[in-house]
Amino acid sequence: MQAKQYHIPIVIRGLYTSKNDTAADKTVGSFNDTATRIFDLLKTQNSENNTSNSDVLKKTMGGISIKPLLFRSFGINVVPALVVTNNASCIVVNHQQNTNTHCAESDFDVVFGNMPIEKQLEIITEKSDNKIRANLALSRLNEYKTKI
């Protein structure tokens, strides 16, 4: 829901496999198991707000993409992670053309950890050595911080 608030896409590396899945190959994962797991996570998060209605949950969540090549491009091996880049060509080359090329570390900033997106954007704003990316994070922070 925070990602939706800040207009930040959620990307997962692959499909989730439930321990109760009856498929013979547990390494593949399924869309059904993935959707169920995501929905369960959102339900748990919303239970604090007494919001368990599935229609309300569907309206509050944004979209989720499955893009394993982006994880490889940015060298993401630990999640959650927030990546800010001003080099769109790195994303295009790696994801759309499937070149399996890593983005140069100088082309992006990343913050790891289970913390609010607001805090992650603040960290990038304060610590990035690239003014363009720092300004991207700051503008996203300022534009959507108070909007819900």
C-alpha atoms as a PDB file:
ATOM      1  CA  MET A   1       0.000   0.000   0.000  1.00  0.00           C
ATOM      2  CA  GLN A   2       2.957   2.312   0.617  1.00  0.00           C
ATOM      3  CA  ALA A   3       4.278   1.542  -2.859  1.00  0.00           C
ATOM      4  CA  LYS A   4       0.923   2.515  -4.319  1.00  0.00           C
ATOM      5  CA  GLN A   5       0.915   5.730  -2.301  1.00  0.00           C
ATOM      6  CA  TYR A   6       4.354   6.718  -3.640  1.00  0.00           C
ATOM      7  CA  HIS A   7       3.684   5.390  -7.167  1.00  0.00           C
ATOM      8  CA  ILE A   8       6.582   2.951  -6.894  1.00  0.00           C
ATOM      9  CA  PRO A   9       6.279  -0.363  -8.731  1.00  0.00           C
ATOM     10  CA  ILE A  10       6.555  -3.577  -6.725  1.00  0.00           C
ATOM     11  CA  VAL A  11       8.725  -6.191  -8.369  1.00  0.00           C
ATOM     12  CA  ILE A  12       9.168  -9.759  -7.196  1.00  0.00           C
ATOM     13  CA  ARG A  13      11.838 -12.113  -8.446  1.00  0.00           C
ATOM     14  CA  GLY A  14       9.685 -15.148  -9.092  1.00  0.00           C
ATOM     15  CA  LEU A  15       6.685 -17.213  -8.190  1.00  0.00           C
ATOM     16  CA  TYR A  16       5.993 -18.409  -4.666  1.00  0.00           C
ATOM     17  CA  THR A  17       5.449 -22.089  -3.879  1.00  0.00           C
ATOM     18  CA  SER A  18       3.194 -22.943  -0.961  1.00  0.00           C
ATOM     19  CA  LYS A  19       4.393 -25.708   1.345  1.00  0.00           C
ATOM     20  CA  ASN A  20       0.963 -27.270   0.855  1.00  0.00           C
ATOM     21  CA  ASP A  21       1.185 -27.179  -2.947  1.00  0.00           C
ATOM     22  CA  THR A  22       0.522 -30.626  -4.393  1.00  0.00           C
ATOM     23  CA  ALA A  23       2.703 -30.098  -7.488  1.00  0.00           C
ATOM     24  CA  ALA A  24       5.537 -32.578  -7.884  1.00  0.00           C
ATOM     25  CA  ASP A  25       8.122 -29.872  -8.662  1.00  0.00           C
ATOM     26  CA  LYS A  26       8.216 -27.424  -5.718  1.00  0.00           C
ATOM     27  CA  THR A  27      10.925 -25.278  -7.372  1.00  0.00           C
ATOM     28  CA  VAL A  28       8.676 -23.833 -10.074  1.00  0.00           C
ATOM     29  CA  GLY A  29       6.050 -21.950  -8.087  1.00  0.00           C
ATOM     30  CA  SER A  30       2.615 -20.993  -9.248  1.00  0.00           C
ATOM     31  CA  PHE A  31       0.627 -17.854  -9.944  1.00  0.00           C
ATOM     32  CA  ASN A  32      -2.133 -19.108  -7.661  1.00  0.00           C
ATOM     33  CA  ASP A  33       0.258 -19.685  -4.716  1.00  0.00           C
ATOM     34  CA  THR A  34       1.883 -16.303  -5.352  1.00  0.00           C
ATOM     35  CA  ALA A  35      -1.429 -14.433  -5.481  1.00  0.00           C
ATOM     36  CA  THR A  36      -2.681 -16.202  -2.363  1.00  0.00           C
ATOM     37  CA  ARG A  37       0.518 -15.378  -0.452  1.00  0.00           C
ATOM     38  CA  ILE A  38       0.413 -11.708  -1.452  1.00  0.00           C
ATOM     39  CA  PHE A  39      -3.261 -11.463  -0.545  1.00  0.00           C
ATOM     40  CA  ASP A  40      -2.581 -13.121   2.835  1.00  0.00           C
ATOM     41  CA  LEU A  41       0.213 -10.642   3.537  1.00  0.00           C
ATOM     42  CA  LEU A  42      -2.059  -7.717   2.723  1.00  0.00           C
ATOM     43  CA  LYS A  43      -4.852  -9.159   4.860  1.00  0.00           C
ATOM     44  CA  THR A  44      -2.468  -9.529   7.800  1.00  0.00           C
ATOM     45  CA  GLN A  45      -1.194  -5.986   7.365  1.00  0.00           C
ATOM     46  CA  ASN A  46      -4.729  -4.617   7.164  1.00  0.00           C
ATOM     47  CA  SER A  47      -5.992  -6.559  10.175  1.00  0.00           C
ATOM     48  CA  GLU A  48      -4.435  -3.863  12.355  1.00  0.00           C
ATOM     49  CA  ASN A  49      -6.795  -1.400  10.675  1.00  0.00           C
ATOM     50  CA  ASN A  50      -9.769  -3.798  10.974  1.00  0.00           C
ATOM     51  CA  THR A  51      -9.845  -4.030   7.187  1.00  0.00           C
ATOM     52  CA  SER A  52     -10.349  -7.598   6.082  1.00  0.00           C
ATOM     53  CA  ASN A  53     -12.858  -7.111   3.281  1.00  0.00           C
ATOM     54  CA  SER A  54     -11.314  -8.452   0.062  1.00  0.00           C
ATOM     55  CA  ASP A  55     -12.915  -5.698  -2.061  1.00  0.00           C
ATOM     56  CA  VAL A  56     -11.251  -3.035   0.078  1.00  0.00           C
ATOM     57  CA  LEU A  57      -7.906  -4.845  -0.178  1.00  0.00           C
ATOM     58  CA  LYS A  58      -8.121  -5.038  -3.955  1.00  0.00           C
ATOM     59  CA  LYS A  59      -8.746  -1.291  -4.153  1.00  0.00           C
ATOM     60  CA  THR A  60      -5.865  -0.396  -1.834  1.00  0.00           C
ATOM     61  CA  MET A  61      -3.126  -2.473  -3.442  1.00  0.00           C
ATOM     62  CA  GLY A  62      -1.234  -1.595  -6.571  1.00  0.00           C
ATOM     63  CA  GLY A  63       0.151  -3.933  -9.185  1.00  0.00           C
ATOM     64  CA  ILE A  64       2.979  -6.402  -8.810  1.00  0.00           C
ATOM     65  CA  SER A  65       5.408  -7.416 -11.557  1.00  0.00           C
ATOM     66  CA  ILE A  66       7.533 -10.538 -11.781  1.00  0.00           C
ATOM     67  CA  LYS A  67      10.882  -9.546 -13.283  1.00  0.00           C
ATOM     68  CA  PRO A  68      13.787 -11.769 -12.228  1.00  0.00           C
ATOM     69  CA  LEU A  69      16.181 -10.060 -14.629  1.00  0.00           C
ATOM     70  CA  LEU A  70      15.875  -6.768 -12.748  1.00  0.00           C
ATOM     71  CA  PHE A  71      17.065  -8.493  -9.581  1.00  0.00           C
ATOM     72  CA  ARG A  72      20.092  -9.732 -11.510  1.00  0.00           C
ATOM     73  CA  SER A  73      20.655  -6.345 -13.155  1.00  0.00           C
ATOM     74  CA  PHE A  74      20.896  -4.583  -9.804  1.00  0.00           C
ATOM     75  CA  GLY A  75      22.540  -7.463  -7.927  1.00  0.00           C
ATOM     76  CA  ILE A  76      19.631  -7.744  -5.491  1.00  0.00           C
ATOM     77  CA  ASN A  77      20.008 -10.869  -3.356  1.00  0.00           C
ATOM     78  CA  VAL A  78      18.265  -9.578  -0.216  1.00  0.00           C
ATOM     79  CA  VAL A  79      14.762  -8.178   0.053  1.00  0.00           C
ATOM     80  CA  PRO A  80      13.045  -5.895   0.638  1.00  0.00           C
ATOM     81  CA  ALA A  81      15.045  -3.422  -1.385  1.00  0.00           C
ATOM     82  CA  LEU A  82      14.248  -0.049  -2.921  1.00  0.00           C
ATOM     83  CA  VAL A  83      16.179   0.869  -6.062  1.00  0.00           C
ATOM     84  CA  VAL A  84      16.371   4.361  -7.544  1.00  0.00           C
ATOM     85  CA  THR A  85      18.010   4.759 -10.938  1.00  0.00           C
ATOM     86  CA  ASN A  86      18.191   7.518 -13.498  1.00  0.00           C
ATOM     87  CA  ASN A  87      19.579   5.161 -16.142  1.00  0.00           C
ATOM     88  CA  ALA A  88      16.486   3.795 -17.869  1.00  0.00           C
ATOM     89  CA  SER A  89      18.628   2.248 -20.600  1.00  0.00           C
ATOM     90  CA  CYS A  90      20.091  -0.190 -18.070  1.00  0.00           C
ATOM     91  CA  ILE A  91      16.597  -1.464 -17.313  1.00  0.00           C
ATOM     92  CA  VAL A  92      15.609  -1.633 -20.975  1.00  0.00           C
ATOM     93  CA  VAL A  93      18.747  -3.453 -22.082  1.00  0.00           C
ATOM     94  CA  ASN A  94      18.611  -5.993 -19.288  1.00  0.00           C
ATOM     95  CA  HIS A  95      14.915  -6.657 -19.077  1.00  0.00           C
ATOM     96  CA  GLN A  96      13.557  -6.194 -22.567  1.00  0.00           C
ATOM     97  CA  GLN A  97      16.550  -7.520 -24.458  1.00  0.00           C
ATOM     98  CA  ASN A  98      17.473 -10.222 -21.918  1.00  0.00           C
ATOM     99  CA  THR A  99      21.200  -9.484 -22.122  1.00  0.00           C
ATOM    100  CA  ASN A 100      21.954 -10.613 -18.549  1.00  0.00           C
ATOM    101  CA  THR A 101      24.098  -7.520 -17.985  1.00  0.00           C
ATOM    102  CA  HIS A 102      24.588  -5.987 -14.558  1.00  0.00           C
ATOM    103  CA  CYS A 103      23.940  -2.283 -14.140  1.00  0.00           C
ATOM    104  CA  ALA A 104      26.983  -0.358 -12.999  1.00  0.00           C
ATOM    105  CA  GLU A 105      26.801   0.464  -9.284  1.00  0.00           C
ATOM    106  CA  SER A 106      27.241   4.109 -10.236  1.00  0.00           C
ATOM    107  CA  ASP A 107      23.903   3.958 -12.101  1.00  0.00           C
ATOM    108  CA  PHE A 108      21.644   3.282  -9.116  1.00  0.00           C
ATOM    109  CA  ASP A 109      21.125   3.626  -5.378  1.00  0.00           C
ATOM    110  CA  VAL A 110      19.619   0.860  -3.276  1.00  0.00           C
ATOM    111  CA  VAL A 111      18.362   0.695   0.298  1.00  0.00           C
ATOM    112  CA  PHE A 112      17.801  -2.681   1.940  1.00  0.00           C
ATOM    113  CA  GLY A 113      15.583  -3.370   4.927  1.00  0.00           C
ATOM    114  CA  ASN A 114      12.071  -3.702   6.177  1.00  0.00           C
ATOM    115  CA  MET A 115      11.252  -0.054   6.788  1.00  0.00           C
ATOM    116  CA  PRO A 116       8.695   2.407   5.465  1.00  0.00           C
ATOM    117  CA  ILE A 117       9.224   3.594   1.900  1.00  0.00           C
ATOM    118  CA  GLU A 118       9.249   7.153   3.214  1.00  0.00           C
ATOM    119  CA  LYS A 119      12.367   6.334   5.270  1.00  0.00           C
ATOM    120  CA  GLN A 120      14.031   4.565   2.330  1.00  0.00           C
ATOM    121  CA  LEU A 121      13.465   7.608   0.098  1.00  0.00           C
ATOM    122  CA  GLU A 122      14.853   9.880   2.832  1.00  0.00           C
ATOM    123  CA  ILE A 123      17.995   7.737   3.055  1.00  0.00           C
ATOM    124  CA  ILE A 124      18.570   7.924  -0.703  1.00  0.00           C
ATOM    125  CA  THR A 125      17.894  11.668  -0.666  1.00  0.00           C
ATOM    126  CA  GLU A 126      20.489  12.187   2.078  1.00  0.00           C
ATOM    127  CA  LYS A 127      23.159   9.658   1.112  1.00  0.00           C
ATOM    128  CA  SER A 128      23.172   9.404  -2.679  1.00  0.00           C
ATOM    129  CA  ASP A 129      26.325  10.723  -4.315  1.00  0.00           C
ATOM    130  CA  ASN A 130      24.302  11.402  -7.465  1.00  0.00           C
ATOM    131  CA  LYS A 131      22.298  14.624  -7.374  1.00  0.00           C
ATOM    132  CA  ILE A 132      19.853  13.466 -10.042  1.00  0.00           C
ATOM    133  CA  ARG A 133      18.901  10.315  -8.113  1.00  0.00           C
ATOM    134  CA  ALA A 134      18.776  12.220  -4.817  1.00  0.00           C
ATOM    135  CA  ASN A 135      16.394  14.709  -6.425  1.00  0.00           C
ATOM    136  CA  LEU A 136      14.303  11.891  -7.915  1.00  0.00           C
ATOM    137  CA  ALA A 137      13.877  10.379  -4.450  1.00  0.00           C
ATOM    138  CA  LEU A 138      13.166  13.773  -2.875  1.00  0.00           C
ATOM    139  CA  SER A 139      10.587  14.726  -5.486  1.00  0.00           C
ATOM    140  CA  ARG A 140       8.816  11.362  -5.098  1.00  0.00           C
ATOM    141  CA  LEU A 141       8.886  11.826  -1.343  1.00  0.00           C
ATOM    142  CA  ASN A 142       7.515  15.349  -1.448  1.00  0.00           C
ATOM    143  CA  GLU A 143       4.919  14.731  -4.156  1.00  0.00           C
ATOM    144  CA  TYR A 144       3.228  11.757  -2.552  1.00  0.00           C
ATOM    145  CA  LYS A 145       4.078  12.001   1.168  1.00  0.00           C
ATOM    146  CA  THR A 146       0.787  13.518   2.245  1.00  0.00           C
ATOM    147  CA  LYS A 147      -1.420  11.971  -0.427  1.00  0.00           C
ATOM    148  CA  ILE A 148      -3.223   8.784   0.547  1.00  0.00           C
END
